[in-house]
Amino acid sequence: MRTYLRILVLVLALCLLAWAPAQGAKCRAMYGDGPTRLTVATGSPGELGLLKALADGFLAEHSGASICWIKAGSGASLRLLKKKQVDVVMAHAPAAEKKAVAQGW
């Protein structure tokens, strides 16, 4: 019985983790302070500084913009895009990315 309870708790925890980003996605970091806001969902590129480097270059030419980074893995990022909760994603799921482009997400 304890094994089943542990499995149930694990499954519930994983479901909550998968559900959380789409429900109240908040900016993990903000770059720039312009009124035109772009929202980007990604995981590792944000953590490793790539997103900040790209944002700095973009904002140097577009001073009226700001970029909100929402931390989410590839699957969660693409779900946010499909629900129109973000403007851009950086993912590493080629088949899912092609589907998103083909379907006009």
PDB file of N, CA and C in Angstrom:
ATOM      1  N   MET A   1       0.820  -1.198   0.000  1.00  0.00           N
ATOM      2  CA  MET A   1       0.000   0.000   0.000  1.00  0.00           C
ATOM      3  C   MET A   1       0.866   1.264   0.000  1.00  0.00           C
ATOM      4  N   ARG A   2       1.967   1.252   0.740  1.00  0.00           N
ATOM      5  CA  ARG A   2       2.827   2.431   0.792  1.00  0.00           C
ATOM      6  C   ARG A   2       3.408   2.755  -0.584  1.00  0.00           C
ATOM      7  N   THR A   3       3.726   1.721  -1.349  1.00  0.00           N
ATOM      8  CA  THR A   3       4.268   1.945  -2.691  1.00  0.00           C
ATOM      9  C   THR A   3       3.246   2.670  -3.556  1.00  0.00           C
ATOM     10  N   TYR A   4       2.000   2.259  -3.493  1.00  0.00           N
ATOM     11  CA  TYR A   4       0.948   2.909  -4.269  1.00  0.00           C
ATOM     12  C   TYR A   4       0.765   4.363  -3.834  1.00  0.00           C
ATOM     13  N   LEU A   5       0.837   4.613  -2.551  1.00  0.00           N
ATOM     14  CA  LEU A   5       0.700   5.966  -2.041  1.00  0.00           C
ATOM     15  C   LEU A   5       1.854   6.841  -2.527  1.00  0.00           C
ATOM     16  N   ARG A   6       3.057   6.323  -2.522  1.00  0.00           N
ATOM     17  CA  ARG A   6       4.215   7.066  -3.014  1.00  0.00           C
ATOM     18  C   ARG A   6       4.076   7.373  -4.505  1.00  0.00           C
ATOM     19  N   ILE A   7       3.621   6.402  -5.266  1.00  0.00           N
ATOM     20  CA  ILE A   7       3.422   6.615  -6.698  1.00  0.00           C
ATOM     21  C   ILE A   7       2.354   7.679  -6.920  1.00  0.00           C
ATOM     22  N   LEU A   8       1.277   7.616  -6.170  1.00  0.00           N
ATOM     23  CA  LEU A   8       0.208   8.600  -6.294  1.00  0.00           C
ATOM     24  C   LEU A   8       0.722  10.007  -5.980  1.00  0.00           C
ATOM     25  N   VAL A   9       1.480  10.149  -4.914  1.00  0.00           N
ATOM     26  CA  VAL A   9       2.031  11.455  -4.550  1.00  0.00           C
ATOM     27  C   VAL A   9       2.969  11.955  -5.645  1.00  0.00           C
ATOM     28  N   LEU A  10       3.794  11.072  -6.190  1.00  0.00           N
ATOM     29  CA  LEU A  10       4.710  11.459  -7.265  1.00  0.00           C
ATOM     30  C   LEU A  10       3.943  11.924  -8.499  1.00  0.00           C
ATOM     31  N   VAL A  11       2.923  11.188  -8.884  1.00  0.00           N
ATOM     32  CA  VAL A  11       2.118  11.560 -10.052  1.00  0.00           C
ATOM     33  C   VAL A  11       1.433  12.908  -9.829  1.00  0.00           C
ATOM     34  N   LEU A  12       0.881  13.122  -8.649  1.00  0.00           N
ATOM     35  CA  LEU A  12       0.229  14.397  -8.353  1.00  0.00           C
ATOM     36  C   LEU A  12       1.233  15.555  -8.394  1.00  0.00           C
ATOM     37  N   ALA A  13       2.425  15.330  -7.866  1.00  0.00           N
ATOM     38  CA  ALA A  13       3.455  16.368  -7.886  1.00  0.00           C
ATOM     39  C   ALA A  13       3.853  16.709  -9.317  1.00  0.00           C
ATOM     40  N   LEU A  14       4.029  15.701 -10.158  1.00  0.00           N
ATOM     41  CA  LEU A  14       4.385  15.942 -11.553  1.00  0.00           C
ATOM     42  C   LEU A  14       3.276  16.674 -12.292  1.00  0.00           C
ATOM     43  N   CYS A  15       2.036  16.339 -12.001  1.00  0.00           N
ATOM     44  CA  CYS A  15       0.907  17.034 -12.629  1.00  0.00           C
ATOM     45  C   CYS A  15       0.889  18.505 -12.226  1.00  0.00           C
ATOM     46  N   LEU A  16       1.144  18.780 -10.959  1.00  0.00           N
ATOM     47  CA  LEU A  16       1.172  20.168 -10.505  1.00  0.00           C
ATOM     48  C   LEU A  16       2.301  20.941 -11.155  1.00  0.00           C
ATOM     49  N   LEU A  17       3.454  20.324 -11.308  1.00  0.00           N
ATOM     50  CA  LEU A  17       4.574  20.991 -11.956  1.00  0.00           C
ATOM     51  C   LEU A  17       4.266  21.304 -13.411  1.00  0.00           C
ATOM     52  N   ALA A  18       3.620  20.394 -14.090  1.00  0.00           N
ATOM     53  CA  ALA A  18       3.276  20.612 -15.496  1.00  0.00           C
ATOM     54  C   ALA A  18       2.192  21.678 -15.639  1.00  0.00           C
ATOM     55  N   TRP A  19       1.312  21.778 -14.670  1.00  0.00           N
ATOM     56  CA  TRP A  19       0.189  22.696 -14.721  1.00  0.00           C
ATOM     57  C   TRP A  19       0.579  24.107 -14.310  1.00  0.00           C
ATOM     58  N   ALA A  20       1.503  24.253 -13.399  1.00  0.00           N
ATOM     59  CA  ALA A  20       1.830  25.543 -12.789  1.00  0.00           C
ATOM     60  C   ALA A  20       2.231  26.639 -13.769  1.00  0.00           C
ATOM     61  N   PRO A  21       3.150  26.424 -14.708  1.00  0.00           N
ATOM     62  CA  PRO A  21       3.569  27.538 -15.550  1.00  0.00           C
ATOM     63  C   PRO A  21       2.433  28.163 -16.345  1.00  0.00           C
ATOM     64  N   ALA A  22       1.483  27.365 -16.769  1.00  0.00           N
ATOM     65  CA  ALA A  22       0.404  27.903 -17.601  1.00  0.00           C
ATOM     66  C   ALA A  22      -0.630  28.660 -16.779  1.00  0.00           C
ATOM     67  N   GLN A  23      -0.634  28.495 -15.482  1.00  0.00           N
ATOM     68  CA  GLN A  23      -1.683  29.087 -14.677  1.00  0.00           C
ATOM     69  C   GLN A  23      -1.378  30.498 -14.218  1.00  0.00           C
ATOM     70  N   GLY A  24      -0.251  30.774 -13.762  1.00  0.00           N
ATOM     71  CA  GLY A  24       0.035  32.113 -13.275  1.00  0.00           C
ATOM     72  C   GLY A  24       1.472  32.464 -13.603  1.00  0.00           C
ATOM     73  N   ALA A  25       1.810  32.304 -14.854  1.00  0.00           N
ATOM     74  CA  ALA A  25       3.192  32.515 -15.261  1.00  0.00           C
ATOM     75  C   ALA A  25       3.626  33.934 -14.927  1.00  0.00           C
ATOM     76  N   LYS A  26       4.706  34.025 -14.165  1.00  0.00           N
ATOM     77  CA  LYS A  26       5.232  35.316 -13.755  1.00  0.00           C
ATOM     78  C   LYS A  26       6.639  35.474 -14.287  1.00  0.00           C
ATOM     79  N   CYS A  27       7.025  36.706 -14.473  1.00  0.00           N
ATOM     80  CA  CYS A  27       8.362  36.999 -14.973  1.00  0.00           C
ATOM     81  C   CYS A  27       9.418  36.547 -13.974  1.00  0.00           C
ATOM     82  N   ARG A  28      10.314  35.733 -14.455  1.00  0.00           N
ATOM     83  CA  ARG A  28      11.467  35.342 -13.637  1.00  0.00           C
ATOM     84  C   ARG A  28      12.483  36.479 -13.644  1.00  0.00           C
ATOM     85  N   ALA A  29      12.558  37.193 -14.766  1.00  0.00           N
ATOM     86  CA  ALA A  29      13.435  38.351 -14.896  1.00  0.00           C
ATOM     87  C   ALA A  29      12.829  39.298 -15.922  1.00  0.00           C
ATOM     88  N   MET A  30      13.128  40.578 -15.765  1.00  0.00           N
ATOM     89  CA  MET A  30      12.700  41.605 -16.713  1.00  0.00           C
ATOM     90  C   MET A  30      13.952  42.271 -17.262  1.00  0.00           C
ATOM     91  N   TYR A  31      13.964  42.463 -18.562  1.00  0.00           N
ATOM     92  CA  TYR A  31      15.054  43.169 -19.226  1.00  0.00           C
ATOM     93  C   TYR A  31      14.452  44.386 -19.910  1.00  0.00           C
ATOM     94  N   GLY A  32      15.035  45.551 -19.673  1.00  0.00           N
ATOM     95  CA  GLY A  32      14.510  46.779 -20.245  1.00  0.00           C
ATOM     96  C   GLY A  32      13.327  47.291 -19.446  1.00  0.00           C
ATOM     97  N   ASP A  33      12.904  48.514 -19.754  1.00  0.00           N
ATOM     98  CA  ASP A  33      11.776  49.086 -19.036  1.00  0.00           C
ATOM     99  C   ASP A  33      10.809  49.829 -19.942  1.00  0.00           C
ATOM    100  N   GLY A  34      10.864  49.519 -21.224  1.00  0.00           N
ATOM    101  CA  GLY A  34       9.964  50.165 -22.180  1.00  0.00           C
ATOM    102  C   GLY A  34       8.541  49.664 -22.047  1.00  0.00           C
ATOM    103  N   PRO A  35       7.583  50.426 -22.576  1.00  0.00           N
ATOM    104  CA  PRO A  35       6.176  50.050 -22.455  1.00  0.00           C
ATOM    105  C   PRO A  35       5.746  48.892 -23.366  1.00  0.00           C
ATOM    106  N   THR A  36       6.487  48.648 -24.447  1.00  0.00           N
ATOM    107  CA  THR A  36       6.144  47.538 -25.331  1.00  0.00           C
ATOM    108  C   THR A  36       6.799  46.284 -24.780  1.00  0.00           C
ATOM    109  N   ARG A  37       5.971  45.362 -24.309  1.00  0.00           N
ATOM    110  CA  ARG A  37       6.485  44.192 -23.599  1.00  0.00           C
ATOM    111  C   ARG A  37       6.400  42.935 -24.446  1.00  0.00           C
ATOM    112  N   LEU A  38       7.515  42.227 -24.531  1.00  0.00           N
ATOM    113  CA  LEU A  38       7.569  40.903 -25.145  1.00  0.00           C
ATOM    114  C   LEU A  38       7.730  39.889 -24.029  1.00  0.00           C
ATOM    115  N   THR A  39       7.009  38.802 -24.123  1.00  0.00           N
ATOM    116  CA  THR A  39       7.109  37.755 -23.123  1.00  0.00           C
ATOM    117  C   THR A  39       7.740  36.532 -23.765  1.00  0.00           C
ATOM    118  N   VAL A  40       8.825  36.039 -23.166  1.00  0.00           N
ATOM    119  CA  VAL A  40       9.583  34.909 -23.696  1.00  0.00           C
ATOM    120  C   VAL A  40       9.551  33.776 -22.685  1.00  0.00           C
ATOM    121  N   ALA A  41       9.192  32.585 -23.142  1.00  0.00           N
ATOM    122  CA  ALA A  41       9.219  31.402 -22.284  1.00  0.00           C
ATOM    123  C   ALA A  41      10.368  30.506 -22.717  1.00  0.00           C
ATOM    124  N   THR A  42      11.215  30.164 -21.771  1.00  0.00           N
ATOM    125  CA  THR A  42      12.328  29.259 -22.022  1.00  0.00           C
ATOM    126  C   THR A  42      12.907  28.797 -20.692  1.00  0.00           C
ATOM    127  N   GLY A  43      13.739  27.805 -20.750  1.00  0.00           N
ATOM    128  CA  GLY A  43      14.373  27.294 -19.537  1.00  0.00           C
ATOM    129  C   GLY A  43      15.850  27.605 -19.502  1.00  0.00           C
ATOM    130  N   SER A  44      16.658  26.666 -19.972  1.00  0.00           N
ATOM    131  CA  SER A  44      18.116  26.787 -19.906  1.00  0.00           C
ATOM    132  C   SER A  44      18.677  28.067 -20.522  1.00  0.00           C
ATOM    133  N   PRO A  45      18.197  28.524 -21.677  1.00  0.00           N
ATOM    134  CA  PRO A  45      18.758  29.767 -22.225  1.00  0.00           C
ATOM    135  C   PRO A  45      18.625  30.953 -21.268  1.00  0.00           C
ATOM    136  N   GLY A  46      17.575  30.968 -20.485  1.00  0.00           N
ATOM    137  CA  GLY A  46      17.415  32.020 -19.486  1.00  0.00           C
ATOM    138  C   GLY A  46      18.349  31.828 -18.316  1.00  0.00           C
ATOM    139  N   GLU A  47      18.466  30.588 -17.863  1.00  0.00           N
ATOM    140  CA  GLU A  47      19.329  30.287 -16.723  1.00  0.00           C
ATOM    141  C   GLU A  47      20.803  30.505 -17.041  1.00  0.00           C
ATOM    142  N   LEU A  48      21.197  30.233 -18.263  1.00  0.00           N
ATOM    143  CA  LEU A  48      22.609  30.308 -18.635  1.00  0.00           C
ATOM    144  C   LEU A  48      23.039  31.693 -19.129  1.00  0.00           C
ATOM    145  N   GLY A  49      22.104  32.627 -19.226  1.00  0.00           N
ATOM    146  CA  GLY A  49      22.451  33.987 -19.624  1.00  0.00           C
ATOM    147  C   GLY A  49      22.301  34.292 -21.103  1.00  0.00           C
ATOM    148  N   LEU A  50      21.969  33.292 -21.917  1.00  0.00           N
ATOM    149  CA  LEU A  50      21.806  33.533 -23.347  1.00  0.00           C
ATOM    150  C   LEU A  50      20.655  34.498 -23.616  1.00  0.00           C
ATOM    151  N   LEU A  51      19.546  34.309 -22.941  1.00  0.00           N
ATOM    152  CA  LEU A  51      18.401  35.195 -23.158  1.00  0.00           C
ATOM    153  C   LEU A  51      18.758  36.634 -22.801  1.00  0.00           C
ATOM    154  N   LYS A  52      19.467  36.846 -21.707  1.00  0.00           N
ATOM    155  CA  LYS A  52      19.868  38.198 -21.318  1.00  0.00           C
ATOM    156  C   LYS A  52      20.770  38.819 -22.382  1.00  0.00           C
ATOM    157  N   ALA A  53      21.712  38.043 -22.895  1.00  0.00           N
ATOM    158  CA  ALA A  53      22.606  38.558 -23.937  1.00  0.00           C
ATOM    159  C   ALA A  53      21.817  38.952 -25.187  1.00  0.00           C
ATOM    160  N   LEU A  54      20.876  38.120 -25.586  1.00  0.00           N
ATOM    161  CA  LEU A  54      20.042  38.437 -26.747  1.00  0.00           C
ATOM    162  C   LEU A  54      19.152  39.649 -26.464  1.00  0.00           C
ATOM    163  N   ALA A  55      18.610  39.701 -25.249  1.00  0.00           N
ATOM    164  CA  ALA A  55      17.749  40.826 -24.868  1.00  0.00           C
ATOM    165  C   ALA A  55      18.536  42.133 -24.872  1.00  0.00           C
ATOM    166  N   ASP A  56      19.756  42.109 -24.347  1.00  0.00           N
ATOM    167  CA  ASP A  56      20.578  43.321 -24.326  1.00  0.00           C
ATOM    168  C   ASP A  56      20.807  43.856 -25.739  1.00  0.00           C
ATOM    169  N   GLY A  57      21.111  42.963 -26.672  1.00  0.00           N
ATOM    170  CA  GLY A  57      21.305  43.372 -28.062  1.00  0.00           C
ATOM    171  C   GLY A  57      20.034  43.916 -28.681  1.00  0.00           C
ATOM    172  N   PHE A  58      18.919  43.252 -28.436  1.00  0.00           N
ATOM    173  CA  PHE A  58      17.631  43.697 -28.968  1.00  0.00           C
ATOM    174  C   PHE A  58      17.242  45.047 -28.391  1.00  0.00           C
ATOM    175  N   LEU A  59      17.378  45.185 -27.081  1.00  0.00           N
ATOM    176  CA  LEU A  59      16.961  46.413 -26.411  1.00  0.00           C
ATOM    177  C   LEU A  59      17.851  47.603 -26.756  1.00  0.00           C
ATOM    178  N   ALA A  60      19.085  47.347 -27.175  1.00  0.00           N
ATOM    179  CA  ALA A  60      19.969  48.431 -27.605  1.00  0.00           C
ATOM    180  C   ALA A  60      19.403  49.120 -28.847  1.00  0.00           C
ATOM    181  N   GLU A  61      18.674  48.375 -29.654  1.00  0.00           N
ATOM    182  CA  GLU A  61      18.077  48.930 -30.875  1.00  0.00           C
ATOM    183  C   GLU A  61      16.598  49.262 -30.716  1.00  0.00           C
ATOM    184  N   HIS A  62      15.975  48.764 -29.672  1.00  0.00           N
ATOM    185  CA  HIS A  62      14.538  48.969 -29.450  1.00  0.00           C
ATOM    186  C   HIS A  62      14.328  49.430 -28.005  1.00  0.00           C
ATOM    187  N   SER A  63      14.686  50.662 -27.734  1.00  0.00           N
ATOM    188  CA  SER A  63      14.665  51.170 -26.363  1.00  0.00           C
ATOM    189  C   SER A  63      13.257  51.270 -25.773  1.00  0.00           C
ATOM    190  N   GLY A  64      12.246  51.234 -26.587  1.00  0.00           N
ATOM    191  CA  GLY A  64      10.879  51.325 -26.088  1.00  0.00           C
ATOM    192  C   GLY A  64      10.289  49.995 -25.694  1.00  0.00           C
ATOM    193  N   ALA A  65      11.120  48.960 -25.609  1.00  0.00           N
ATOM    194  CA  ALA A  65      10.623  47.618 -25.312  1.00  0.00           C
ATOM    195  C   ALA A  65      11.125  47.123 -23.964  1.00  0.00           C
ATOM    196  N   SER A  66      10.492  46.085 -23.493  1.00  0.00           N
ATOM    197  CA  SER A  66      10.951  45.334 -22.329  1.00  0.00           C
ATOM    198  C   SER A  66      10.676  43.862 -22.613  1.00  0.00           C
ATOM    199  N   ILE A  67      11.448  43.013 -21.977  1.00  0.00           N
ATOM    200  CA  ILE A  67      11.314  41.570 -22.190  1.00  0.00           C
ATOM    201  C   ILE A  67      11.125  40.886 -20.846  1.00  0.00           C
ATOM    202  N   CYS A  68      10.057  40.126 -20.750  1.00  0.00           N
ATOM    203  CA  CYS A  68       9.741  39.347 -19.553  1.00  0.00           C
ATOM    204  C   CYS A  68      10.118  37.897 -19.829  1.00  0.00           C
ATOM    205  N   TRP A  69      10.978  37.327 -18.984  1.00  0.00           N
ATOM    206  CA  TRP A  69      11.350  35.911 -19.117  1.00  0.00           C
ATOM    207  C   TRP A  69      10.509  35.087 -18.169  1.00  0.00           C
ATOM    208  N   ILE A  70       9.781  34.129 -18.737  1.00  0.00           N
ATOM    209  CA  ILE A  70       9.042  33.153 -17.950  1.00  0.00           C
ATOM    210  C   ILE A  70       9.806  31.837 -18.040  1.00  0.00           C
ATOM    211  N   LYS A  71      10.224  31.322 -16.904  1.00  0.00           N
ATOM    212  CA  LYS A  71      10.993  30.076 -16.885  1.00  0.00           C
ATOM    213  C   LYS A  71      10.051  28.897 -17.085  1.00  0.00           C
ATOM    214  N   ALA A  72      10.296  28.167 -18.174  1.00  0.00           N
ATOM    215  CA  ALA A  72       9.491  26.978 -18.482  1.00  0.00           C
ATOM    216  C   ALA A  72      10.292  26.100 -19.434  1.00  0.00           C
ATOM    217  N   GLY A  73      10.167  24.811 -19.281  1.00  0.00           N
ATOM    218  CA  GLY A  73      10.817  23.877 -20.191  1.00  0.00           C
ATOM    219  C   GLY A  73      10.164  23.925 -21.563  1.00  0.00           C
ATOM    220  N   SER A  74      10.687  23.152 -22.492  1.00  0.00           N
ATOM    221  CA  SER A  74      10.201  23.183 -23.874  1.00  0.00           C
ATOM    222  C   SER A  74       8.713  22.904 -23.989  1.00  0.00           C
ATOM    223  N   GLY A  75       8.261  21.837 -23.367  1.00  0.00           N
ATOM    224  CA  GLY A  75       6.841  21.478 -23.461  1.00  0.00           C
ATOM    225  C   GLY A  75       5.940  22.544 -22.874  1.00  0.00           C
ATOM    226  N   ALA A  76       6.292  23.018 -21.687  1.00  0.00           N
ATOM    227  CA  ALA A  76       5.490  24.057 -21.035  1.00  0.00           C
ATOM    228  C   ALA A  76       5.546  25.357 -21.828  1.00  0.00           C
ATOM    229  N   SER A  77       6.708  25.692 -22.375  1.00  0.00           N
ATOM    230  CA  SER A  77       6.843  26.905 -23.186  1.00  0.00           C
ATOM    231  C   SER A  77       5.927  26.843 -24.396  1.00  0.00           C
ATOM    232  N   LEU A  78       5.908  25.710 -25.069  1.00  0.00           N
ATOM    233  CA  LEU A  78       5.065  25.562 -26.255  1.00  0.00           C
ATOM    234  C   LEU A  78       3.581  25.592 -25.896  1.00  0.00           C
ATOM    235  N   ARG A  79       3.221  25.042 -24.738  1.00  0.00           N
ATOM    236  CA  ARG A  79       1.816  25.124 -24.299  1.00  0.00           C
ATOM    237  C   ARG A  79       1.427  26.583 -24.036  1.00  0.00           C
ATOM    238  N   LEU A  80       2.337  27.348 -23.417  1.00  0.00           N
ATOM    239  CA  LEU A  80       2.074  28.767 -23.181  1.00  0.00           C
ATOM    240  C   LEU A  80       1.897  29.510 -24.502  1.00  0.00           C
ATOM    241  N   LEU A  81       2.710  29.166 -25.485  1.00  0.00           N
ATOM    242  CA  LEU A  81       2.607  29.791 -26.799  1.00  0.00           C
ATOM    243  C   LEU A  81       1.259  29.458 -27.446  1.00  0.00           C
ATOM    244  N   LYS A  82       0.886  28.206 -27.377  1.00  0.00           N
ATOM    245  CA  LYS A  82      -0.379  27.779 -27.978  1.00  0.00           C
ATOM    246  C   LYS A  82      -1.567  28.501 -27.338  1.00  0.00           C
ATOM    247  N   LYS A  83      -1.492  28.752 -26.040  1.00  0.00           N
ATOM    248  CA  LYS A  83      -2.564  29.449 -25.325  1.00  0.00           C
ATOM    249  C   LYS A  83      -2.438  30.971 -25.440  1.00  0.00           C
ATOM    250  N   LYS A  84      -1.445  31.414 -26.216  1.00  0.00           N
ATOM    251  CA  LYS A  84      -1.199  32.848 -26.441  1.00  0.00           C
ATOM    252  C   LYS A  84      -0.894  33.598 -25.153  1.00  0.00           C
ATOM    253  N   GLN A  85      -0.192  32.910 -24.237  1.00  0.00           N
ATOM    254  CA  GLN A  85       0.209  33.537 -22.987  1.00  0.00           C
ATOM    255  C   GLN A  85       1.630  34.087 -23.066  1.00  0.00           C
ATOM    256  N   VAL A  86       2.356  33.765 -24.147  1.00  0.00           N
ATOM    257  CA  VAL A  86       3.688  34.307 -24.389  1.00  0.00           C
ATOM    258  C   VAL A  86       3.794  34.666 -25.865  1.00  0.00           C
ATOM    259  N   ASP A  87       4.773  35.526 -26.165  1.00  0.00           N
ATOM    260  CA  ASP A  87       4.982  35.955 -27.548  1.00  0.00           C
ATOM    261  C   ASP A  87       6.005  35.098 -28.272  1.00  0.00           C
ATOM    262  N   VAL A  88       7.001  34.616 -27.538  1.00  0.00           N
ATOM    263  CA  VAL A  88       8.135  33.901 -28.134  1.00  0.00           C
ATOM    264  C   VAL A  88       8.527  32.760 -27.213  1.00  0.00           C
ATOM    265  N   VAL A  89       8.997  31.660 -27.813  1.00  0.00           N
ATOM    266  CA  VAL A  89       9.578  30.580 -27.020  1.00  0.00           C
ATOM    267  C   VAL A  89      10.960  30.241 -27.562  1.00  0.00           C
ATOM    268  N   MET A  90      11.792  29.766 -26.673  1.00  0.00           N
ATOM    269  CA  MET A  90      13.077  29.176 -27.050  1.00  0.00           C
ATOM    270  C   MET A  90      13.012  27.755 -26.520  1.00  0.00           C
ATOM    271  N   ALA A  91      12.953  26.789 -27.425  1.00  0.00           N
ATOM    272  CA  ALA A  91      12.760  25.397 -27.033  1.00  0.00           C
ATOM    273  C   ALA A  91      13.754  24.505 -27.755  1.00  0.00           C
ATOM    274  N   HIS A  92      13.803  23.264 -27.341  1.00  0.00           N
ATOM    275  CA  HIS A  92      14.639  22.275 -28.025  1.00  0.00           C
ATOM    276  C   HIS A  92      13.816  21.008 -28.255  1.00  0.00           C
ATOM    277  N   ALA A  93      12.745  21.195 -29.010  1.00  0.00           N
ATOM    278  CA  ALA A  93      11.843  20.100 -29.364  1.00  0.00           C
ATOM    279  C   ALA A  93      11.453  20.293 -30.827  1.00  0.00           C
ATOM    280  N   PRO A  94      12.344  19.932 -31.754  1.00  0.00           N
ATOM    281  CA  PRO A  94      12.140  20.251 -33.179  1.00  0.00           C
ATOM    282  C   PRO A  94      10.782  19.840 -33.750  1.00  0.00           C
ATOM    283  N   ALA A  95      10.314  18.665 -33.447  1.00  0.00           N
ATOM    284  CA  ALA A  95       9.034  18.229 -34.009  1.00  0.00           C
ATOM    285  C   ALA A  95       7.887  19.093 -33.487  1.00  0.00           C
ATOM    286  N   ALA A  96       7.906  19.391 -32.196  1.00  0.00           N
ATOM    287  CA  ALA A  96       6.856  20.223 -31.608  1.00  0.00           C
ATOM    288  C   ALA A  96       6.946  21.658 -32.124  1.00  0.00           C
ATOM    289  N   GLU A  97       8.160  22.145 -32.338  1.00  0.00           N
ATOM    290  CA  GLU A  97       8.348  23.494 -32.885  1.00  0.00           C
ATOM    291  C   GLU A  97       7.778  23.580 -34.302  1.00  0.00           C
ATOM    292  N   LYS A  98       8.042  22.559 -35.125  1.00  0.00           N
ATOM    293  CA  LYS A  98       7.509  22.544 -36.484  1.00  0.00           C
ATOM    294  C   LYS A  98       5.986  22.533 -36.470  1.00  0.00           C
ATOM    295  N   LYS A  99       5.427  21.784 -35.552  1.00  0.00           N
ATOM    296  CA  LYS A  99       3.965  21.725 -35.416  1.00  0.00           C
ATOM    297  C   LYS A  99       3.422  23.109 -35.038  1.00  0.00           C
ATOM    298  N   ALA A 100       4.085  23.777 -34.109  1.00  0.00           N
ATOM    299  CA  ALA A 100       3.652  25.105 -33.677  1.00  0.00           C
ATOM    300  C   ALA A 100       3.675  26.088 -34.841  1.00  0.00           C
ATOM    301  N   VAL A 101       4.725  26.045 -35.641  1.00  0.00           N
ATOM    302  CA  VAL A 101       4.834  26.941 -36.807  1.00  0.00           C
ATOM    303  C   VAL A 101       3.764  26.596 -37.829  1.00  0.00           C
ATOM    304  N   ALA A 102       3.603  25.308 -38.112  1.00  0.00           N
ATOM    305  CA  ALA A 102       2.621  24.869 -39.114  1.00  0.00           C
ATOM    306  C   ALA A 102       1.201  25.258 -38.715  1.00  0.00           C
ATOM    307  N   GLN A 103       0.917  25.211 -37.409  1.00  0.00           N
ATOM    308  CA  GLN A 103      -0.425  25.535 -36.941  1.00  0.00           C
ATOM    309  C   GLN A 103      -0.593  27.013 -36.590  1.00  0.00           C
ATOM    310  N   GLY A 104       0.466  27.782 -36.757  1.00  0.00           N
ATOM    311  CA  GLY A 104       0.368  29.229 -36.554  1.00  0.00           C
ATOM    312  C   GLY A 104       0.249  29.679 -35.111  1.00  0.00           C
ATOM    313  N   TRP A 105       0.848  28.934 -34.213  1.00  0.00           N
ATOM    314  CA  TRP A 105       0.772  29.343 -32.813  1.00  0.00           C
ATOM    315  C   TRP A 105       1.468  30.661 -32.625  1.00  0.00           C
TER     316      TRP A 105
END
